C-alpha atoms as a PDB file:
ATOM      1  CA  MET A   1      16.794 -73.110 145.911  1.00  0.00           C
ATOM      2  CA  LEU A   2      17.582 -70.335 143.455  1.00  0.00           C
ATOM      3  CA  ALA A   3      20.558 -68.059 143.959  1.00  0.00           C
ATOM      4  CA  TYR A   4      19.894 -64.403 144.747  1.00  0.00           C
ATOM      5  CA  ASP A   5      21.010 -63.275 141.275  1.00  0.00           C
ATOM      6  CA  GLU A   6      18.656 -65.771 139.618  1.00  0.00           C
ATOM      7  CA  ILE A   7      15.766 -64.487 141.729  1.00  0.00           C
ATOM      8  CA  VAL A   8      16.566 -60.901 140.697  1.00  0.00           C
ATOM      9  CA  VAL A   9      16.671 -61.855 136.988  1.00  0.00           C
ATOM     10  CA  ARG A  10      13.358 -63.734 137.214  1.00  0.00           C
ATOM     11  CA  ALA A  11      11.711 -60.880 139.114  1.00  0.00           C
ATOM     12  CA  ARG A  12      12.862 -58.325 136.548  1.00  0.00           C
ATOM     13  CA  MET A  13      11.601 -60.499 133.682  1.00  0.00           C
ATOM     14  CA  ALA A  14       8.236 -60.913 135.452  1.00  0.00           C
ATOM     15  CA  THR A  15       7.842 -57.191 136.079  1.00  0.00           C
ATOM     16  CA  ASP A  16       8.984 -55.830 132.696  1.00  0.00           C
ATOM     17  CA  GLY A  17       6.308 -53.502 131.393  1.00  0.00           C
ATOM     18  CA  LEU A  18       4.325 -53.354 134.638  1.00  0.00           C
ATOM     19  CA  SER A  19       3.457 -50.120 136.390  1.00  0.00           C
ATOM     20  CA  PRO A  20       4.659 -49.525 139.976  1.00  0.00           C
ATOM     21  CA  LEU A  21       1.152 -50.317 141.253  1.00  0.00           C
ATOM     22  CA  GLU A  22       1.070 -53.600 139.319  1.00  0.00           C
ATOM     23  CA  ARG A  23       4.557 -54.509 140.589  1.00  0.00           C
ATOM     24  CA  ALA A  24       3.511 -53.873 144.194  1.00  0.00           C
ATOM     25  CA  ALA A  25       0.343 -55.945 143.718  1.00  0.00           C
ATOM     26  CA  LEU A  26       2.385 -58.789 142.203  1.00  0.00           C
ATOM     27  CA  GLY A  27       4.845 -58.715 145.121  1.00  0.00           C
ATOM     28  CA  VAL A  28       2.068 -58.778 147.704  1.00  0.00           C
ATOM     29  CA  THR A  29       0.320 -61.610 145.895  1.00  0.00           C
ATOM     30  CA  ILE A  30       3.533 -63.653 145.790  1.00  0.00           C
ATOM     31  CA  ILE A  31       4.147 -63.103 149.510  1.00  0.00           C
ATOM     32  CA  GLU A  32       0.530 -63.974 150.325  1.00  0.00           C
ATOM     33  CA  ALA A  33       1.112 -67.282 148.530  1.00  0.00           C
ATOM     34  CA  ILE A  34       3.241 -68.352 151.525  1.00  0.00           C
ATOM     35  CA  ARG A  35       0.673 -70.263 153.590  1.00  0.00           C
ATOM     36  CA  GLN A  36       2.798 -72.333 155.979  1.00  0.00           C
ATOM     37  CA  ALA A  37       2.445 -70.925 159.515  1.00  0.00           C
ATOM     38  CA  ASN A  38       6.023 -71.840 160.375  1.00  0.00           C
ATOM     39  CA  GLN A  39       7.281 -69.470 157.638  1.00  0.00           C
ATOM     40  CA  PHE A  40       6.163 -66.344 159.523  1.00  0.00           C
ATOM     41  CA  ALA A  41       9.808 -65.209 159.930  1.00  0.00           C
ATOM     42  CA  LEU A  42      10.247 -65.040 156.157  1.00  0.00           C
ATOM     43  CA  VAL A  43       7.113 -62.937 155.755  1.00  0.00           C
ATOM     44  CA  ASN A  44       8.159 -60.648 158.621  1.00  0.00           C
ATOM     45  CA  GLN A  45      11.608 -60.217 157.042  1.00  0.00           C
ATOM     46  CA  ALA A  46       9.968 -59.376 153.706  1.00  0.00           C
ATOM     47  CA  SER A  47       7.758 -56.791 155.407  1.00  0.00           C
ATOM     48  CA  ARG A  48      10.804 -55.178 157.043  1.00  0.00           C
ATOM     49  CA  ILE A  49      12.578 -55.054 153.670  1.00  0.00           C
ATOM     50  CA  CYS A  50       9.495 -53.466 152.066  1.00  0.00           C
ATOM     51  CA  ALA A  51       9.220 -50.933 154.910  1.00  0.00           C
ATOM     52  CA  ASP A  52      12.912 -50.046 154.585  1.00  0.00           C
ATOM     53  CA  HIS A  53      12.498 -49.671 150.829  1.00  0.00           C
ATOM     54  CA  GLY A  54       9.476 -47.399 151.315  1.00  0.00           C
ATOM     55  CA  GLN A  55      11.439 -45.218 153.730  1.00  0.00           C
ATOM     56  CA  ALA A  56      14.368 -45.067 151.302  1.00  0.00           C
ATOM     57  CA  LEU A  57      12.012 -44.015 148.495  1.00  0.00           C
ATOM     58  CA  CYS A  58      10.501 -41.326 150.721  1.00  0.00           C
ATOM     59  CA  LYS A  59      13.955 -40.012 151.651  1.00  0.00           C
ATOM     60  CA  ALA A  60      15.040 -40.032 148.005  1.00  0.00           C
ATOM     61  CA  SER A  61      11.889 -38.135 147.043  1.00  0.00           C
ATOM     62  CA  MET A  62      12.525 -35.537 149.752  1.00  0.00           C
ATOM     63  CA  ASP A  63      16.149 -35.256 148.567  1.00  0.00           C
ATOM     64  CA  GLY A  64      14.916 -34.547 145.033  1.00  0.00           C
ATOM     65  CA  LEU A  65      16.018 -37.869 143.515  1.00  0.00           C
ATOM     66  CA  SER A  66      13.885 -39.720 140.967  1.00  0.00           C
ATOM     67  CA  TYR A  67      15.280 -43.252 141.414  1.00  0.00           C
ATOM     68  CA  LEU A  68      17.129 -45.377 143.936  1.00  0.00           C
ATOM     69  CA  PRO A  69      20.082 -47.619 143.105  1.00  0.00           C
ATOM     70  CA  ASP A  70      19.281 -51.337 143.073  1.00  0.00           C
ATOM     71  CA  PRO A  71      19.302 -52.682 146.641  1.00  0.00           C
ATOM     72  CA  LYS A  72      21.006 -55.933 147.619  1.00  0.00           C
ATOM     73  CA  TYR A  73      18.853 -57.762 150.132  1.00  0.00           C
ATOM     74  CA  PRO A  74      19.506 -61.190 151.615  1.00  0.00           C
ATOM     75  CA  THR A  75      16.907 -63.800 150.745  1.00  0.00           C
ATOM     76  CA  ASP A  76      17.221 -65.678 154.038  1.00  0.00           C
ATOM     77  CA  ALA A  77      15.495 -64.489 157.191  1.00  0.00           C
ATOM     78  CA  ILE A  78      17.906 -63.482 159.933  1.00  0.00           C
ATOM     79  CA  THR A  79      16.941 -64.209 163.510  1.00  0.00           C
ATOM     80  CA  HIS A  80      18.079 -62.237 166.530  1.00  0.00           C
ATOM     81  CA  GLU A  81      20.331 -65.110 167.571  1.00  0.00           C
ATOM     82  CA  GLU A  82      22.200 -64.905 164.261  1.00  0.00           C
ATOM     83  CA  GLN A  83      22.808 -61.168 164.481  1.00  0.00           C
ATOM     84  CA  SER A  84      26.092 -59.948 165.912  1.00  0.00           C
ATOM     85  CA  ARG A  85      25.707 -58.497 169.383  1.00  0.00           C
ATOM     86  CA  ASP A  86      28.845 -56.398 168.839  1.00  0.00           C
ATOM     87  CA  ALA A  87      27.384 -54.524 165.883  1.00  0.00           C
ATOM     88  CA  GLU A  88      27.122 -50.791 166.413  1.00  0.00           C
ATOM     89  CA  PRO A  89      23.513 -49.576 166.593  1.00  0.00           C
ATOM     90  CA  PRO A  90      22.356 -47.030 164.020  1.00  0.00           C
ATOM     91  CA  ARG A  91      22.935 -43.404 164.962  1.00  0.00           C
ATOM     92  CA  HIS A  92      19.243 -42.596 165.195  1.00  0.00           C
ATOM     93  CA  SER A  93      18.698 -45.317 167.792  1.00  0.00           C
ATOM     94  CA  ARG A  94      21.717 -44.075 169.798  1.00  0.00           C
ATOM     95  CA  ALA A  95      20.240 -40.574 169.712  1.00  0.00           C
ATOM     96  CA  ARG A  96      16.880 -41.943 170.863  1.00  0.00           C
ATOM     97  CA  ALA A  97      18.622 -43.822 173.661  1.00  0.00           C
ATOM     98  CA  VAL A  98      20.392 -40.629 174.785  1.00  0.00           C
ATOM     99  CA  LEU A  99      17.123 -38.683 174.708  1.00  0.00           C
ATOM    100  CA  ALA A 100      15.367 -41.416 176.660  1.00  0.00           C
ATOM    101  CA  LYS A 101      18.143 -41.359 179.267  1.00  0.00           C
ATOM    102  CA  LEU A 102      17.935 -37.559 179.531  1.00  0.00           C
ATOM    103  CA  ARG A 103      14.160 -37.782 180.004  1.00  0.00           C
ATOM    104  CA  GLU A 104      14.705 -40.397 182.696  1.00  0.00           C
ATOM    105  CA  ILE A 105      17.211 -38.151 184.509  1.00  0.00           C
ATOM    106  CA  ASP A 106      14.855 -35.170 184.161  1.00  0.00           C
ATOM    107  CA  GLU A 107      11.991 -37.167 185.616  1.00  0.00           C
ATOM    108  CA  PHE A 108      14.181 -38.343 188.504  1.00  0.00           C
ATOM    109  CA  VAL A 109      15.374 -34.808 189.326  1.00  0.00           C
ATOM    110  CA  ASP A 110      11.847 -33.382 189.091  1.00  0.00           C
ATOM    111  CA  ASN A 111      10.442 -35.978 191.481  1.00  0.00           C
ATOM    112  CA  SER A 112      13.186 -35.899 194.112  1.00  0.00           C
ATOM    113  CA  ILE A 113      14.682 -33.568 196.691  1.00  0.00           C
ATOM    114  CA  ILE A 114      17.595 -32.993 194.328  1.00  0.00           C
ATOM    115  CA  GLY A 115      15.397 -30.878 192.068  1.00  0.00           C
ATOM    116  CA  ASP A 116      14.270 -28.793 195.039  1.00  0.00           C
ATOM    117  CA  LEU A 117      17.872 -28.296 196.174  1.00  0.00           C
ATOM    118  CA  ILE A 118      18.920 -27.189 192.684  1.00  0.00           C
ATOM    119  CA  GLY A 119      16.051 -24.676 192.656  1.00  0.00           C
ATOM    120  CA  VAL A 120      16.967 -23.317 196.085  1.00  0.00           C
ATOM    121  CA  ALA A 121      20.624 -22.991 195.072  1.00  0.00           C
ATOM    122  CA  ALA A 122      19.632 -21.123 191.912  1.00  0.00           C
ATOM    123  CA  LEU A 123      17.385 -18.701 193.855  1.00  0.00           C
ATOM    124  CA  ALA A 124      20.079 -18.125 196.483  1.00  0.00           C
ATOM    125  CA  THR A 125      22.631 -17.383 193.765  1.00  0.00           C
ATOM    126  CA  ILE A 126      20.275 -14.889 192.116  1.00  0.00           C
ATOM    127  CA  LEU A 127      19.566 -13.148 195.439  1.00  0.00           C
ATOM    128  CA  ILE A 128      23.243 -12.956 196.421  1.00  0.00           C
ATOM    129  CA  VAL A 129      24.272 -11.612 193.016  1.00  0.00           C
ATOM    130  CA  GLY A 130      21.411  -9.109 193.153  1.00  0.00           C
ATOM    131  CA  LEU A 131      22.385  -7.878 196.609  1.00  0.00           C
ATOM    132  CA  PHE A 132      26.033  -7.441 195.670  1.00  0.00           C
ATOM    133  CA  TRP A 133      25.068  -5.786 192.419  1.00  0.00           C
ATOM    134  CA  GLY A 134      22.899  -3.292 194.266  1.00  0.00           C
ATOM    135  CA  TYR A 135      25.609  -2.710 196.903  1.00  0.00           C
ATOM    136  CA  LEU A 136      28.314  -2.061 194.307  1.00  0.00           C
ATOM    137  CA  GLN A 137      26.316   0.619 192.519  1.00  0.00           C
END
């Protein structure tokens, strides 16, 4: 098996002089050459790397950059069992988790007596403040 650096050198030699479209077509053709059904994890990992690269290019374009620095990707597929369970999740997924929890709480309050009690307490507070306000003037 080739080392990661050797793979990078060979890939750069193979793609010298090719347009971005030709490079993408070459990459897809190479990945499609994997025909063994038991190698699905490798192809899925490659698709995730390509998706991440596409998102990074989009972000760079929106930030006004022309190029990205060279990424360093592992060549081995990583399974869920091999990933550290103690790793901190990305901030965007924590934010999504918080929003999902808030939606869940909102749904619970809306569909329970608690929501009705909060509404009654709010109306009572408004009426009491209004009465005292009118009395004081």
